[in-house]
Amino acid sequence: MKKEAPSKQGFSLEQTFFGFKPENRVDLHDQLFNILWAGEGRWTWNDIYHMPLFLRKFYVRKLNSIYEKQKTAEKQRKKKPTPKDKIAKPPM
């Protein structure tokens, strides 16, 4: 005879709340790492992990916009030659 654990009617071990799914954990930790890396020691892992979601998303958006601006500025800098890059003819 096989004994089973007692269960109450309607009791389920499946995830029934709105938390993270196991497949989203990689995205969460990737986001935490990126904020910590960009923060250069300003925050601890615990600070970022327990930070409210709206704040964490704000910082991620802010960091993304900063990196995009840097990327476009770098492209512009490489595209346009600066006046000191040009060789001027001597006056004659």
N, C-alpha and C. Protein backbone atom coordinates (compact mmCIF):
# COMPACT_ATOMS: atom_id res chain seq x y z
N MET A 1 0.84 -1.17 0.00
CA MET A 1 0.00 0.00 0.00
C MET A 1 0.90 1.25 0.00
N LYS A 2 0.64 2.15 -0.92
CA LYS A 2 1.43 3.37 -1.08
C LYS A 2 0.79 4.49 -0.28
N LYS A 3 1.61 5.15 0.57
CA LYS A 3 1.10 6.25 1.36
C LYS A 3 1.40 7.56 0.64
N GLU A 4 0.46 8.45 0.63
CA GLU A 4 0.63 9.75 0.01
C GLU A 4 0.57 10.83 1.08
N ALA A 5 1.19 11.95 0.77
CA ALA A 5 1.15 13.07 1.70
C ALA A 5 -0.27 13.60 1.77
N PRO A 6 -0.70 13.96 2.97
CA PRO A 6 -2.05 14.50 3.09
C PRO A 6 -2.15 15.83 2.34
N SER A 7 -3.25 16.04 1.69
CA SER A 7 -3.43 17.30 0.98
C SER A 7 -4.83 17.83 1.24
N LYS A 8 -4.91 19.13 1.22
CA LYS A 8 -6.20 19.77 1.38
C LYS A 8 -6.80 19.99 0.01
N GLN A 9 -8.08 20.01 -0.05
CA GLN A 9 -8.74 20.22 -1.32
C GLN A 9 -8.42 21.61 -1.84
N GLY A 10 -8.01 21.68 -3.09
CA GLY A 10 -7.68 22.96 -3.70
C GLY A 10 -6.23 23.37 -3.47
N PHE A 11 -5.46 22.59 -2.73
CA PHE A 11 -4.06 22.92 -2.48
C PHE A 11 -3.24 22.47 -3.67
N SER A 12 -2.45 23.37 -4.19
CA SER A 12 -1.64 23.05 -5.36
C SER A 12 -0.23 23.57 -5.13
N LEU A 13 0.76 22.84 -5.58
CA LEU A 13 2.15 23.26 -5.46
C LEU A 13 2.61 24.05 -6.67
N GLU A 14 1.75 24.22 -7.64
CA GLU A 14 2.11 24.99 -8.83
C GLU A 14 2.15 26.47 -8.47
N GLN A 15 2.91 27.21 -9.26
CA GLN A 15 3.02 28.64 -9.04
C GLN A 15 1.71 29.31 -9.45
N THR A 16 1.06 29.95 -8.49
CA THR A 16 -0.23 30.57 -8.79
C THR A 16 -0.21 32.07 -8.61
N PHE A 17 0.94 32.64 -8.31
CA PHE A 17 1.00 34.09 -8.14
C PHE A 17 1.75 34.71 -9.31
N PHE A 18 1.92 36.00 -9.30
CA PHE A 18 2.44 36.72 -10.46
C PHE A 18 3.95 36.91 -10.43
N GLY A 19 4.69 36.12 -9.70
CA GLY A 19 6.15 36.27 -9.60
C GLY A 19 6.87 35.82 -10.85
N PHE A 20 8.20 35.80 -10.76
CA PHE A 20 9.03 35.40 -11.89
C PHE A 20 8.86 33.93 -12.20
N LYS A 21 8.87 33.61 -13.46
CA LYS A 21 8.89 32.22 -13.89
C LYS A 21 10.36 31.79 -13.91
N PRO A 22 10.63 30.51 -13.76
CA PRO A 22 12.04 30.06 -13.75
C PRO A 22 12.82 30.47 -14.99
N GLU A 23 12.19 30.53 -16.14
CA GLU A 23 12.92 30.91 -17.36
C GLU A 23 13.27 32.40 -17.40
N ASN A 24 12.66 33.20 -16.52
CA ASN A 24 12.97 34.64 -16.47
C ASN A 24 14.10 34.98 -15.52
N ARG A 25 14.56 34.00 -14.77
CA ARG A 25 15.63 34.26 -13.80
C ARG A 25 16.91 34.71 -14.48
N VAL A 26 17.21 34.17 -15.64
CA VAL A 26 18.41 34.57 -16.36
C VAL A 26 18.33 36.06 -16.72
N ASP A 27 17.18 36.51 -17.18
CA ASP A 27 17.00 37.92 -17.52
C ASP A 27 17.15 38.80 -16.28
N LEU A 28 16.61 38.36 -15.16
CA LEU A 28 16.72 39.12 -13.92
C LEU A 28 18.18 39.29 -13.52
N HIS A 29 18.92 38.20 -13.52
CA HIS A 29 20.31 38.27 -13.08
C HIS A 29 21.19 38.99 -14.11
N ASP A 30 20.82 38.93 -15.36
CA ASP A 30 21.52 39.70 -16.38
C ASP A 30 21.32 41.20 -16.13
N GLN A 31 20.10 41.57 -15.80
CA GLN A 31 19.79 42.97 -15.49
C GLN A 31 20.54 43.43 -14.23
N LEU A 32 20.56 42.59 -13.22
CA LEU A 32 21.29 42.92 -11.99
C LEU A 32 22.77 43.11 -12.28
N PHE A 33 23.34 42.22 -13.06
CA PHE A 33 24.76 42.32 -13.39
C PHE A 33 25.06 43.60 -14.15
N ASN A 34 24.23 43.93 -15.12
CA ASN A 34 24.48 45.13 -15.91
C ASN A 34 24.42 46.40 -15.07
N ILE A 35 23.48 46.47 -14.14
CA ILE A 35 23.40 47.64 -13.27
C ILE A 35 24.61 47.70 -12.34
N LEU A 36 25.00 46.56 -11.79
CA LEU A 36 26.16 46.54 -10.91
C LEU A 36 27.43 46.91 -11.66
N TRP A 37 27.58 46.41 -12.87
CA TRP A 37 28.76 46.69 -13.68
C TRP A 37 28.83 48.18 -14.01
N ALA A 38 27.72 48.75 -14.43
CA ALA A 38 27.70 50.16 -14.79
C ALA A 38 27.84 51.04 -13.55
N GLY A 39 27.39 50.55 -12.40
CA GLY A 39 27.47 51.33 -11.17
C GLY A 39 28.87 51.48 -10.63
N GLU A 40 29.79 50.65 -11.09
CA GLU A 40 31.20 50.71 -10.69
C GLU A 40 31.37 50.75 -9.17
N GLY A 41 30.67 49.89 -8.47
CA GLY A 41 30.83 49.79 -7.03
C GLY A 41 29.96 50.71 -6.21
N ARG A 42 29.09 51.46 -6.85
CA ARG A 42 28.23 52.38 -6.10
C ARG A 42 27.12 51.64 -5.35
N TRP A 43 26.71 50.50 -5.87
CA TRP A 43 25.65 49.70 -5.25
C TRP A 43 26.17 48.32 -4.94
N THR A 44 25.50 47.65 -4.00
CA THR A 44 25.79 46.25 -3.74
C THR A 44 24.74 45.40 -4.46
N TRP A 45 25.04 44.13 -4.57
CA TRP A 45 24.09 43.22 -5.21
C TRP A 45 22.78 43.22 -4.44
N ASN A 46 22.87 43.24 -3.13
CA ASN A 46 21.68 43.21 -2.29
C ASN A 46 20.82 44.46 -2.51
N ASP A 47 21.47 45.63 -2.66
CA ASP A 47 20.73 46.87 -2.92
C ASP A 47 19.92 46.76 -4.21
N ILE A 48 20.57 46.27 -5.25
CA ILE A 48 19.91 46.17 -6.56
C ILE A 48 18.82 45.11 -6.54
N TYR A 49 19.09 43.97 -5.91
CA TYR A 49 18.13 42.88 -5.89
C TYR A 49 16.84 43.29 -5.17
N HIS A 50 16.96 44.03 -4.08
CA HIS A 50 15.79 44.42 -3.30
C HIS A 50 15.24 45.79 -3.69
N MET A 51 15.80 46.38 -4.72
CA MET A 51 15.31 47.67 -5.21
C MET A 51 13.92 47.48 -5.82
N PRO A 52 13.01 48.42 -5.62
CA PRO A 52 11.70 48.30 -6.25
C PRO A 52 11.83 48.22 -7.78
N LEU A 53 10.95 47.44 -8.37
CA LEU A 53 11.03 47.21 -9.82
C LEU A 53 10.99 48.49 -10.63
N PHE A 54 10.13 49.43 -10.27
CA PHE A 54 10.02 50.64 -11.07
C PHE A 54 11.34 51.41 -11.06
N LEU A 55 12.06 51.38 -9.94
CA LEU A 55 13.34 52.06 -9.86
C LEU A 55 14.40 51.34 -10.67
N ARG A 56 14.41 50.02 -10.57
CA ARG A 56 15.39 49.23 -11.32
C ARG A 56 15.18 49.42 -12.83
N LYS A 57 13.92 49.42 -13.26
CA LYS A 57 13.63 49.64 -14.68
C LYS A 57 14.04 51.04 -15.11
N PHE A 58 13.85 52.03 -14.21
CA PHE A 58 14.27 53.39 -14.52
C PHE A 58 15.77 53.44 -14.78
N TYR A 59 16.55 52.82 -13.89
CA TYR A 59 18.01 52.83 -14.06
C TYR A 59 18.44 52.09 -15.31
N VAL A 60 17.78 51.00 -15.64
CA VAL A 60 18.12 50.26 -16.86
C VAL A 60 17.84 51.13 -18.09
N ARG A 61 16.69 51.80 -18.12
CA ARG A 61 16.38 52.69 -19.25
C ARG A 61 17.38 53.83 -19.34
N LYS A 62 17.74 54.40 -18.20
CA LYS A 62 18.70 55.51 -18.17
C LYS A 62 20.06 55.05 -18.68
N LEU A 63 20.52 53.89 -18.22
CA LEU A 63 21.81 53.37 -18.69
C LEU A 63 21.78 53.06 -20.18
N ASN A 64 20.67 52.51 -20.66
CA ASN A 64 20.56 52.22 -22.09
C ASN A 64 20.62 53.50 -22.91
N SER A 65 19.96 54.56 -22.45
CA SER A 65 19.99 55.82 -23.20
C SER A 65 21.39 56.42 -23.19
N ILE A 66 22.09 56.32 -22.06
CA ILE A 66 23.47 56.84 -21.99
C ILE A 66 24.36 56.09 -22.97
N TYR A 67 24.26 54.77 -22.99
CA TYR A 67 25.10 53.98 -23.88
C TYR A 67 24.76 54.22 -25.35
N GLU A 68 23.49 54.43 -25.64
CA GLU A 68 23.10 54.74 -27.03
C GLU A 68 23.67 56.09 -27.46
N LYS A 69 23.62 57.09 -26.57
CA LYS A 69 24.19 58.41 -26.89
C LYS A 69 25.69 58.31 -27.11
N GLN A 70 26.36 57.52 -26.27
CA GLN A 70 27.80 57.34 -26.44
C GLN A 70 28.11 56.65 -27.76
N LYS A 71 27.29 55.68 -28.10
CA LYS A 71 27.49 54.93 -29.35
C LYS A 71 27.32 55.84 -30.57
N THR A 72 26.27 56.65 -30.57
CA THR A 72 26.05 57.55 -31.71
C THR A 72 27.11 58.64 -31.76
N ALA A 73 27.56 59.13 -30.60
CA ALA A 73 28.62 60.14 -30.58
C ALA A 73 29.92 59.55 -31.13
N GLU A 74 30.19 58.31 -30.81
CA GLU A 74 31.40 57.65 -31.32
C GLU A 74 31.32 57.46 -32.83
N LYS A 75 30.14 57.09 -33.33
CA LYS A 75 29.96 56.96 -34.78
C LYS A 75 30.15 58.30 -35.48
N GLN A 76 29.58 59.36 -34.89
CA GLN A 76 29.73 60.70 -35.47
C GLN A 76 31.19 61.13 -35.46
N ARG A 77 31.88 60.85 -34.40
CA ARG A 77 33.28 61.23 -34.29
C ARG A 77 34.13 60.51 -35.33
N LYS A 78 33.83 59.24 -35.56
CA LYS A 78 34.58 58.48 -36.56
C LYS A 78 34.21 58.91 -37.98
N LYS A 79 32.97 59.35 -38.16
CA LYS A 79 32.50 59.71 -39.49
C LYS A 79 33.10 61.03 -39.97
N LYS A 80 33.10 62.05 -39.13
CA LYS A 80 33.56 63.37 -39.53
C LYS A 80 35.04 63.55 -39.18
N PRO A 81 35.82 63.98 -40.15
CA PRO A 81 37.20 64.31 -39.80
C PRO A 81 37.24 65.67 -39.10
N THR A 82 38.00 65.76 -38.06
CA THR A 82 38.12 67.03 -37.34
C THR A 82 39.10 67.93 -38.07
N PRO A 83 39.06 69.24 -37.86
CA PRO A 83 39.97 70.16 -38.56
C PRO A 83 41.45 69.84 -38.33
N LYS A 84 41.79 69.33 -37.17
CA LYS A 84 43.20 69.03 -36.94
C LYS A 84 43.64 67.76 -37.67
N ASP A 85 42.67 66.95 -38.14
CA ASP A 85 43.00 65.76 -38.92
C ASP A 85 43.35 66.12 -40.36
N LYS A 86 42.85 67.24 -40.83
CA LYS A 86 43.12 67.65 -42.21
C LYS A 86 44.48 68.33 -42.27
N ILE A 87 45.18 68.10 -43.33
CA ILE A 87 46.46 68.75 -43.55
C ILE A 87 46.22 70.01 -44.33
N ALA A 88 46.61 71.12 -43.76
CA ALA A 88 46.39 72.42 -44.41
C ALA A 88 47.58 72.72 -45.34
N LYS A 89 47.25 73.32 -46.48
CA LYS A 89 48.30 73.74 -47.41
C LYS A 89 48.98 74.98 -46.84
N PRO A 90 50.25 75.06 -47.02
CA PRO A 90 50.92 76.27 -46.57
C PRO A 90 50.55 77.43 -47.50
N PRO A 91 50.42 78.64 -46.95
CA PRO A 91 50.08 79.78 -47.81
C PRO A 91 51.24 80.12 -48.74
N MET A 92 50.96 80.46 -49.98
CA MET A 92 51.99 80.81 -50.95
C MET A 92 51.67 82.12 -51.61
